[in-house]
Amino acid sequence: MAANHTELSSSERPYQKGRGAQINPTSKYEAFVYDNTSDPEAEFPTEYIEVHPKTILNKVDSPDIGFSFSLNPYQGCEHGCVYCYARNTHPYWGYSAGMDFERKILIKKDAPKILAETIRKKSWKTVPLMLAGNTDIYQPAEKEYELTRQILEVCWKYRYPVGLITKNSMVLRDLDILQQLASEQLTHVSISLTTLQEDLRRMLEPRTASVTQRLRVIKELSAAGIPVNVMLAPIIPGLTDHEILPMAKAVSEAGAISIGYTLVRLNGDIGMIFEDWIRKALPDRADRVLNRIRDCRGGNLHEHRFHHRMRGEGEIAEMVKRQFKLAKQLYFEGQEWPQYNLDLHAQYKDGQLKLF
């Protein structure tokens, strides 16, 4: 069924378990879209689509982000986190930020090769890379394509510093190479944790690792000598903000040595997607949560301004900030986050140690 920049009414569609977004807003970059969501009983299988970008490293200019370049071997994410800011990148490819983001996964098969070619250039300056930063590098597609594994192998071969962030326990598959990288101070791993409530996790992040699995991942990575940071993110006022201290305590006991947080922001199509989701999944709490988010965002669900978008403003945002500060004092006092070794790469640019 063709539609011209319109989305079929979703008000009567039942809540679909196993997916985050419940609607499929039209991509503003396409004149026509084909919408098969009118049948609430229809199945929406995941489709892997191979693409071939010429570059793989993304320059990050935001002062709110603590890294300069990110690398995302997959575009779109089957994890289905309903609040995910990366959803807004999918319309650039002609797909929706809604259900398309979870079921149409773009596979950048040449990513490991392009990375190797890039970091071997004489002109390339060694700066740490963030493997992910947009979509999860250990989403289900990784089991088939192993692009993350190959990228880590490239980083080890050329002794290149790389950080990771994920919500998937598949990261333990690569424990061997992560240990090698950590032995030379070449890697850190961040695990994202949004809630300790498993029932909420299933709705909010339907295809991610369970809370128990994530705590186990933190424990096993830490025991293997790999520095682990946990992002308590995003904090959702009225839904998860009361969990800051319990989450911090749990990840500290599991072995994490650092935590961070961001406050939820629902830019672009995500505001529509999130509101539709919460009115279906948690109708009794929907107004309360949406209003508290607006209280942190100057009356909006969205925030684009640097220095404000990650933390929010107002009384509720300030309470979140104070709780996070207290959590660090209680559970992470005296912990030091190791710096990357930036010196080894110059000695391994040809893939083996240079003797001077």
Protein backbone atom coordinates (compact mmCIF):
# COMPACT_ATOMS: atom_id res chain seq x y z
CA MET A 1 0.00 0.00 0.00
CA ALA A 2 1.56 3.28 -1.08
CA ALA A 3 1.35 6.33 1.14
CA ASN A 4 2.51 9.87 0.43
CA HIS A 5 4.23 11.11 3.62
CA THR A 6 1.49 9.68 5.84
CA GLU A 7 1.57 7.08 8.55
CA LEU A 8 -1.33 4.68 8.92
CA SER A 9 -3.26 5.17 12.16
CA SER A 10 -1.74 3.15 14.98
CA SER A 11 -4.17 3.99 17.77
CA GLU A 12 -6.05 0.70 17.46
CA ARG A 13 -3.05 -1.55 16.90
CA PRO A 14 -2.29 -3.80 19.87
CA TYR A 15 1.05 -3.62 21.63
CA GLN A 16 3.52 -5.84 19.81
CA LYS A 17 5.80 -7.73 22.15
CA GLY A 18 9.38 -8.34 21.05
CA ARG A 19 9.74 -4.99 19.27
CA GLY A 20 10.42 -1.55 20.66
CA ALA A 21 8.83 0.87 18.19
CA GLN A 22 5.18 0.19 17.52
CA ILE A 23 4.88 2.51 14.51
CA ASN A 24 6.82 3.27 11.35
CA PRO A 25 6.95 7.05 10.70
CA THR A 26 7.58 7.97 7.08
CA SER A 27 11.12 8.93 6.10
CA LYS A 28 11.06 12.60 5.12
CA TYR A 29 13.69 11.84 2.49
CA GLU A 30 11.38 9.57 0.48
CA ALA A 31 8.48 10.74 -1.67
CA PHE A 32 6.72 7.40 -1.29
CA VAL A 33 6.87 4.59 1.24
CA TYR A 34 5.30 1.16 1.27
CA ASP A 35 3.62 0.54 4.58
CA ASN A 36 2.67 -3.03 5.49
CA THR A 37 1.87 -2.27 9.12
CA SER A 38 -1.90 -2.01 8.64
CA ASP A 39 -2.31 -5.65 9.65
CA PRO A 40 -1.53 -5.90 13.38
CA GLU A 41 -1.04 -9.66 13.02
CA ALA A 42 1.58 -9.30 10.27
CA GLU A 43 5.08 -10.58 10.99
CA PHE A 44 8.01 -8.26 10.50
CA PRO A 45 11.15 -10.35 10.00
CA THR A 46 14.57 -8.78 10.23
CA GLU A 47 16.28 -8.15 6.89
CA TYR A 48 20.05 -7.79 6.48
CA ILE A 49 21.07 -5.45 3.67
CA GLU A 50 24.72 -5.24 2.62
CA VAL A 51 26.04 -1.75 1.84
CA HIS A 52 29.46 -0.54 0.75
CA PRO A 53 30.45 2.86 2.17
CA LYS A 54 33.77 4.34 1.06
CA THR A 55 34.67 5.51 4.56
CA ILE A 56 33.99 3.90 7.91
CA LEU A 57 35.26 6.33 10.56
CA ASN A 58 32.89 9.08 11.63
CA LYS A 59 34.33 12.34 12.94
CA VAL A 60 32.60 13.37 16.17
CA ASP A 61 32.59 17.13 16.73
CA SER A 62 30.25 17.27 19.72
CA PRO A 63 31.74 18.70 22.94
CA ASP A 64 29.35 16.41 24.84
CA ILE A 65 31.06 13.25 23.58
CA GLY A 66 34.36 12.01 24.96
CA PHE A 67 35.82 10.62 21.74
CA SER A 68 36.82 11.94 18.32
CA PHE A 69 35.96 9.10 15.93
CA SER A 70 33.35 6.36 15.99
CA LEU A 71 33.01 3.23 13.90
CA ASN A 72 29.66 1.50 13.34
CA PRO A 73 29.73 -1.70 11.25
CA TYR A 74 25.94 -1.96 11.43
CA GLN A 75 23.29 0.67 10.70
CA GLY A 76 19.94 0.04 12.36
CA CYS A 77 19.70 -2.18 15.43
CA GLU A 78 17.61 -5.23 16.16
CA HIS A 79 17.83 -4.61 19.90
CA GLY A 80 14.86 -2.28 19.48
CA CYS A 81 15.53 0.20 22.31
CA VAL A 82 12.55 2.48 21.95
CA TYR A 83 14.38 5.64 23.10
CA CYS A 84 17.48 5.16 20.90
CA TYR A 85 18.86 8.43 19.47
CA ALA A 86 20.38 6.50 16.55
CA ARG A 87 16.92 5.90 15.12
CA ASN A 88 17.08 9.33 13.50
CA THR A 89 19.94 8.22 11.24
CA HIS A 90 17.85 5.58 9.49
CA PRO A 91 15.74 8.01 7.42
CA TYR A 92 18.95 9.15 5.67
CA TRP A 93 19.00 5.68 4.10
CA GLY A 94 15.35 5.94 3.07
CA TYR A 95 13.96 3.91 5.95
CA SER A 96 11.80 4.75 8.93
CA ALA A 97 13.16 5.52 12.39
CA GLY A 98 10.43 3.27 13.76
CA MET A 99 10.07 -0.44 13.05
CA ASP A 100 12.37 -0.22 10.00
CA PHE A 101 15.24 0.71 12.32
CA GLU A 102 14.85 -2.64 14.08
CA ARG A 103 14.15 -4.87 11.10
CA LYS A 104 16.20 -3.41 8.22
CA ILE A 105 19.83 -3.74 9.29
CA LEU A 106 22.51 -2.37 6.98
CA ILE A 107 25.70 -4.44 6.98
CA LYS A 108 29.00 -2.71 6.20
CA LYS A 109 30.95 -5.82 5.20
CA ASP A 110 34.07 -3.92 4.17
CA ALA A 111 34.42 -2.13 7.50
CA PRO A 112 37.44 -4.13 8.80
CA LYS A 113 39.33 -3.71 5.51
CA ILE A 114 38.59 0.03 5.28
CA LEU A 115 39.66 0.51 8.91
CA ALA A 116 42.99 -1.23 8.31
CA GLU A 117 43.66 0.86 5.20
CA THR A 118 42.82 4.06 7.07
CA ILE A 119 44.91 3.60 10.20
CA ARG A 120 47.93 2.44 8.17
CA LYS A 121 48.19 5.75 6.33
CA LYS A 122 51.25 7.79 7.23
CA SER A 123 49.05 10.86 7.59
CA TRP A 124 46.72 9.21 10.11
CA LYS A 125 47.09 10.50 13.67
CA THR A 126 46.55 7.96 16.42
CA VAL A 127 43.40 8.85 18.34
CA PRO A 128 41.21 6.37 20.22
CA LEU A 129 38.23 4.99 18.32
CA MET A 130 34.81 4.24 19.75
CA LEU A 131 33.51 0.99 18.31
CA ALA A 132 29.77 1.77 18.28
CA GLY A 133 28.52 5.10 19.54
CA ASN A 134 25.51 4.75 17.26
CA THR A 135 24.17 1.18 16.98
CA ASP A 136 25.17 -1.87 19.00
CA ILE A 137 28.19 -3.74 17.67
CA TYR A 138 27.01 -7.02 19.26
CA GLN A 139 23.46 -7.03 17.96
CA PRO A 140 22.25 -10.36 16.46
CA ALA A 141 23.76 -9.64 13.02
CA GLU A 142 27.22 -9.93 14.59
CA LYS A 143 26.69 -13.66 15.15
CA GLU A 144 26.48 -14.12 11.39
CA TYR A 145 28.91 -11.49 10.07
CA GLU A 146 31.51 -11.19 12.88
CA LEU A 147 32.48 -7.70 11.76
CA THR A 148 33.13 -6.56 15.32
CA ARG A 149 35.46 -9.50 15.88
CA GLN A 150 37.33 -8.69 12.66
CA ILE A 151 37.63 -5.02 13.63
CA LEU A 152 39.08 -5.96 17.01
CA GLU A 153 41.57 -8.21 15.23
CA VAL A 154 42.63 -5.26 13.06
CA CYS A 155 43.06 -3.12 16.18
CA TRP A 156 45.19 -5.78 17.83
CA LYS A 157 47.32 -6.34 14.71
CA TYR A 158 48.11 -2.64 14.49
CA ARG A 159 48.00 -2.05 18.28
CA TYR A 160 45.28 0.55 17.87
CA PRO A 161 43.37 1.93 20.89
CA VAL A 162 39.64 1.20 20.75
CA GLY A 163 36.72 1.49 23.14
CA LEU A 164 33.49 -0.51 22.99
CA ILE A 165 29.95 0.01 24.22
CA THR A 166 27.24 -2.66 24.15
CA LYS A 167 24.17 -4.12 25.84
CA ASN A 168 24.76 -7.64 24.56
CA SER A 169 26.45 -10.52 26.37
CA MET A 170 27.97 -11.63 23.03
CA VAL A 171 30.91 -9.39 23.96
CA LEU A 172 32.19 -12.31 26.06
CA ARG A 173 32.79 -14.25 22.86
CA ASP A 174 35.70 -11.88 22.20
CA LEU A 175 37.15 -12.06 25.68
CA ASP A 176 40.43 -13.46 24.33
CA ILE A 177 41.21 -10.54 22.04
CA LEU A 178 39.90 -7.99 24.53
CA GLN A 179 42.35 -9.37 27.09
CA GLN A 180 45.17 -8.96 24.60
CA LEU A 181 44.19 -5.37 23.92
CA ALA A 182 43.77 -4.63 27.63
CA SER A 183 47.21 -6.06 28.38
CA GLU A 184 48.67 -3.18 26.33
CA GLN A 185 46.19 -0.56 27.63
CA LEU A 186 44.45 -0.48 24.26
CA THR A 187 40.82 -1.04 25.22
CA HIS A 188 38.01 -0.14 27.61
CA VAL A 189 34.51 -1.63 27.56
CA SER A 190 31.33 0.22 28.47
CA ILE A 191 28.16 -1.66 29.28
CA SER A 192 24.88 0.23 29.03
CA LEU A 193 22.33 -0.36 31.80
CA THR A 194 18.97 1.40 31.87
CA THR A 195 17.08 -0.41 34.62
CA LEU A 196 17.28 -3.27 37.12
CA GLN A 197 13.63 -4.08 36.49
CA GLU A 198 13.60 -7.05 34.11
CA ASP A 199 9.93 -6.62 33.16
CA LEU A 200 10.59 -3.02 32.18
CA ARG A 201 13.77 -3.97 30.33
CA ARG A 202 11.82 -6.43 28.17
CA MET A 203 9.48 -3.68 27.02
CA LEU A 204 11.98 -0.82 26.82
CA GLU A 205 14.85 -2.76 25.21
CA PRO A 206 13.18 -5.95 23.95
CA ARG A 207 16.10 -7.76 22.29
CA THR A 208 18.97 -6.78 24.57
CA ALA A 209 20.67 -8.95 27.18
CA SER A 210 18.77 -9.37 30.43
CA VAL A 211 19.72 -7.43 33.55
CA THR A 212 21.25 -10.59 35.06
CA GLN A 213 23.29 -11.23 31.93
CA ARG A 214 24.63 -7.68 31.86
CA LEU A 215 25.78 -7.85 35.47
CA ARG A 216 27.46 -11.16 34.65
CA VAL A 217 29.21 -9.55 31.66
CA ILE A 218 30.56 -6.77 33.88
CA LYS A 219 31.81 -9.33 36.36
CA GLU A 220 33.54 -11.53 33.77
CA LEU A 221 35.14 -8.65 31.88
CA SER A 222 36.41 -7.12 35.12
CA ALA A 223 37.77 -10.45 36.34
CA ALA A 224 39.67 -10.76 33.05
CA GLY A 225 41.46 -7.45 33.66
CA ILE A 226 39.43 -5.37 31.23
CA PRO A 227 38.47 -1.88 32.49
CA VAL A 228 34.67 -1.63 32.60
CA ASN A 229 32.60 1.54 32.62
CA VAL A 230 28.82 1.40 32.95
CA MET A 231 26.57 3.95 31.31
CA LEU A 232 23.39 4.38 33.33
CA ALA A 233 21.65 5.58 30.24
CA PRO A 234 19.34 6.97 29.49
CA ILE A 235 17.84 7.97 32.81
CA ILE A 236 14.10 8.36 32.17
CA PRO A 237 12.40 10.67 34.70
CA GLY A 238 9.33 9.09 36.25
CA LEU A 239 10.39 5.64 35.05
CA THR A 240 14.00 4.84 36.02
CA ASP A 241 15.38 7.87 37.89
CA HIS A 242 14.73 6.21 41.25
CA GLU A 243 17.18 3.43 40.29
CA ILE A 244 20.37 5.47 40.05
CA LEU A 245 21.77 4.42 43.45
CA PRO A 246 20.70 0.75 43.21
CA MET A 247 22.14 0.46 39.69
CA ALA A 248 25.41 2.08 40.73
CA LYS A 249 25.71 -0.26 43.71
CA ALA A 250 24.99 -3.34 41.58
CA VAL A 251 27.55 -2.53 38.88
CA SER A 252 30.18 -1.56 41.44
CA GLU A 253 29.75 -4.91 43.17
CA ALA A 254 30.07 -6.61 39.77
CA GLY A 255 33.47 -4.96 39.23
CA ALA A 256 32.88 -1.80 37.20
CA ILE A 257 35.34 0.97 38.04
CA SER A 258 33.48 3.89 36.48
CA ILE A 259 29.95 5.07 35.68
CA GLY A 260 28.37 7.75 33.53
CA TYR A 261 24.84 8.83 32.71
CA THR A 262 22.70 10.70 30.22
CA LEU A 263 19.16 12.00 30.55
CA VAL A 264 16.71 10.79 27.93
CA ARG A 265 16.15 13.13 24.98
CA LEU A 266 13.61 12.34 22.28
CA ASN A 267 14.77 14.24 19.21
CA GLY A 268 13.24 14.00 15.75
CA ASP A 269 10.93 11.05 15.16
CA ILE A 270 11.86 9.46 18.49
CA GLY A 271 9.44 11.66 20.42
CA MET A 272 6.52 10.31 18.38
CA ILE A 273 7.80 6.74 18.61
CA PHE A 274 8.40 6.89 22.37
CA GLU A 275 5.05 8.52 23.14
CA ASP A 276 3.18 5.94 21.06
CA TRP A 277 5.11 3.15 22.81
CA ILE A 278 4.56 4.32 26.37
CA ARG A 279 0.84 4.95 25.83
CA LYS A 280 0.51 1.34 24.68
CA ALA A 281 3.00 -0.36 26.99
CA LEU A 282 2.53 1.68 30.19
CA PRO A 283 -0.66 3.73 29.73
CA ASP A 284 -1.09 4.40 33.46
CA ARG A 285 2.33 6.08 33.64
CA ALA A 286 2.48 7.72 30.22
CA ASP A 287 1.43 11.26 31.11
CA ARG A 288 3.59 11.35 34.24
CA VAL A 289 6.71 10.22 32.40
CA LEU A 290 6.19 12.48 29.37
CA ASN A 291 5.54 15.50 31.57
CA ARG A 292 8.67 14.87 33.64
CA ILE A 293 10.77 14.61 30.49
CA ARG A 294 9.31 17.92 29.34
CA ASP A 295 10.15 19.43 32.74
CA CYS A 296 13.81 18.61 32.02
CA ARG A 297 13.69 19.87 28.43
CA GLY A 298 12.14 23.32 28.67
CA GLY A 299 8.65 22.01 27.89
CA ASN A 300 9.79 19.80 25.01
CA LEU A 301 10.62 16.12 24.59
CA HIS A 302 13.67 17.04 22.50
CA GLU A 303 16.93 18.92 23.09
CA HIS A 304 19.60 19.79 20.53
CA ARG A 305 21.80 22.26 22.37
CA PHE A 306 25.35 21.25 23.24
CA HIS A 307 26.11 21.17 26.98
CA HIS A 308 22.39 20.76 27.74
CA ARG A 309 21.24 17.75 25.73
CA MET A 310 22.95 15.06 27.83
CA ARG A 311 22.00 16.37 31.29
CA GLY A 312 18.85 18.45 30.94
CA GLU A 313 17.76 21.45 33.00
CA GLY A 314 15.41 22.20 35.87
CA GLU A 315 14.67 20.74 39.25
CA ILE A 316 14.25 17.10 38.19
CA ALA A 317 17.45 17.15 36.12
CA GLU A 318 19.28 18.65 39.09
CA MET A 319 17.98 15.88 41.37
CA VAL A 320 19.26 13.28 38.91
CA LYS A 321 22.64 15.02 38.83
CA ARG A 322 22.87 15.01 42.63
CA GLN A 323 21.92 11.33 42.87
CA PHE A 324 24.58 10.44 40.32
CA LYS A 325 27.21 12.45 42.21
CA LEU A 326 26.26 10.67 45.45
CA ALA A 327 26.43 7.29 43.70
CA LYS A 328 30.00 7.99 42.56
CA GLN A 329 30.99 9.03 46.07
CA LEU A 330 29.43 5.96 47.66
CA TYR A 331 30.56 3.27 45.24
CA PHE A 332 33.44 4.58 43.10
CA GLU A 333 35.52 6.73 45.42
CA GLY A 334 39.23 6.41 44.62
CA GLN A 335 38.74 4.50 41.37
CA GLU A 336 40.98 5.57 38.49
CA TRP A 337 40.10 5.18 34.83
CA PRO A 338 43.19 4.04 32.83
CA GLN A 339 44.42 6.09 29.89
CA TYR A 340 44.90 4.61 26.44
CA ASN A 341 48.37 3.75 25.19
CA LEU A 342 48.76 5.90 22.09
CA ASP A 343 52.41 5.08 21.42
CA LEU A 344 52.29 1.49 20.17
CA HIS A 345 50.42 2.07 16.93
CA ALA A 346 53.28 3.97 15.29
CA GLN A 347 55.48 0.92 15.85
CA TYR A 348 52.96 -1.49 14.29
CA LYS A 349 51.67 0.42 11.26
CA ASP A 350 52.89 -2.32 8.93
CA GLY A 351 51.33 -5.02 11.07
CA GLN A 352 54.41 -6.01 13.02
CA LEU A 353 56.74 -4.43 15.53
CA LYS A 354 59.26 -2.08 14.00
CA LEU A 355 62.76 -2.33 15.42
CA PHE A 356 64.52 1.00 15.86
